[in-house]
Amino acid sequence: MPRANLLRQRLLVLFLFALFAFFSPMAARFEGVPNAFSIPALYLYLFGSWALVIALAAWICSRGRE
């Protein structure tokens, strides 16, 4: 049972990180940044953060099965 609580706590922290990454002034900082490789920096930030959240969730869930 304590292992399940640890998994829930880690996923909650990941959720809070995702909220901060997507719905904070942090995302607004990339609106005026010039394009990189003809892709807007805001898109790179959003998709990179999204990929990071998915990768971390997969890593956390895979460690929960051990």
Protein backbone atom coordinates (compact mmCIF):
# COMPACT_ATOMS: atom_id res chain seq x y z
CA MET A 1 0.00 0.00 0.00
CA PRO A 2 2.73 2.59 0.69
CA ARG A 3 4.07 2.00 -2.84
CA ALA A 4 0.71 3.06 -4.33
CA ASN A 5 0.75 6.25 -2.28
CA LEU A 6 4.24 7.08 -3.52
CA LEU A 7 3.10 6.55 -7.11
CA ARG A 8 0.11 8.84 -6.56
CA GLN A 9 2.31 11.51 -5.00
CA ARG A 10 4.75 11.43 -7.90
CA LEU A 11 1.96 11.67 -10.45
CA LEU A 12 0.42 14.56 -8.51
CA VAL A 13 3.74 16.43 -8.58
CA LEU A 14 3.99 15.75 -12.31
CA PHE A 15 0.47 17.11 -12.78
CA LEU A 16 1.37 20.28 -10.87
CA PHE A 17 4.52 20.65 -12.96
CA ALA A 18 2.42 20.36 -16.13
CA LEU A 19 -0.02 22.98 -14.86
CA PHE A 20 2.86 25.32 -14.16
CA ALA A 21 4.48 24.65 -17.53
CA PHE A 22 1.35 25.18 -19.63
CA PHE A 23 -0.76 27.70 -17.71
CA SER A 24 1.69 30.17 -16.29
CA PRO A 25 3.57 33.24 -17.46
CA MET A 26 6.32 30.77 -18.38
CA ALA A 27 4.51 29.86 -21.61
CA ALA A 28 3.88 33.53 -22.41
CA ARG A 29 7.63 34.21 -22.44
CA PHE A 30 8.00 32.33 -25.70
CA GLU A 31 5.48 34.38 -27.69
CA GLY A 32 7.92 37.11 -28.70
CA VAL A 33 10.96 34.90 -29.22
CA PRO A 34 12.12 34.58 -32.83
CA ASN A 35 11.58 31.40 -34.81
CA ALA A 36 14.02 28.52 -34.63
CA PHE A 37 14.33 26.47 -37.82
CA SER A 38 11.24 28.34 -39.11
CA ILE A 39 9.14 26.91 -36.24
CA PRO A 40 7.76 29.37 -33.67
CA ALA A 41 9.50 29.06 -30.30
CA LEU A 42 6.14 28.84 -28.52
CA TYR A 43 5.29 25.67 -30.46
CA LEU A 44 8.67 24.16 -29.65
CA TYR A 45 8.20 24.96 -25.96
CA LEU A 46 4.66 23.55 -25.80
CA PHE A 47 5.39 20.33 -27.68
CA GLY A 48 8.70 19.85 -25.87
CA SER A 49 7.01 20.27 -22.48
CA TRP A 50 4.22 17.96 -23.54
CA ALA A 51 6.71 15.29 -24.61
CA LEU A 52 8.59 15.70 -21.32
CA VAL A 53 5.40 15.25 -19.28
CA ILE A 54 4.49 12.10 -21.23
CA ALA A 55 8.01 10.67 -20.86
CA LEU A 56 8.06 11.39 -17.12
CA ALA A 57 4.61 9.83 -16.65
CA ALA A 58 5.74 6.70 -18.47
CA TRP A 59 8.90 6.54 -16.38
CA ILE A 60 7.00 7.02 -13.11
CA CYS A 61 4.40 4.38 -14.01
CA SER A 62 7.01 1.88 -15.13
CA ARG A 63 8.89 2.29 -11.85
CA GLY A 64 5.64 1.70 -9.97
CA ARG A 65 5.44 -1.89 -11.22
CA GLU A 66 8.76 -2.97 -9.72
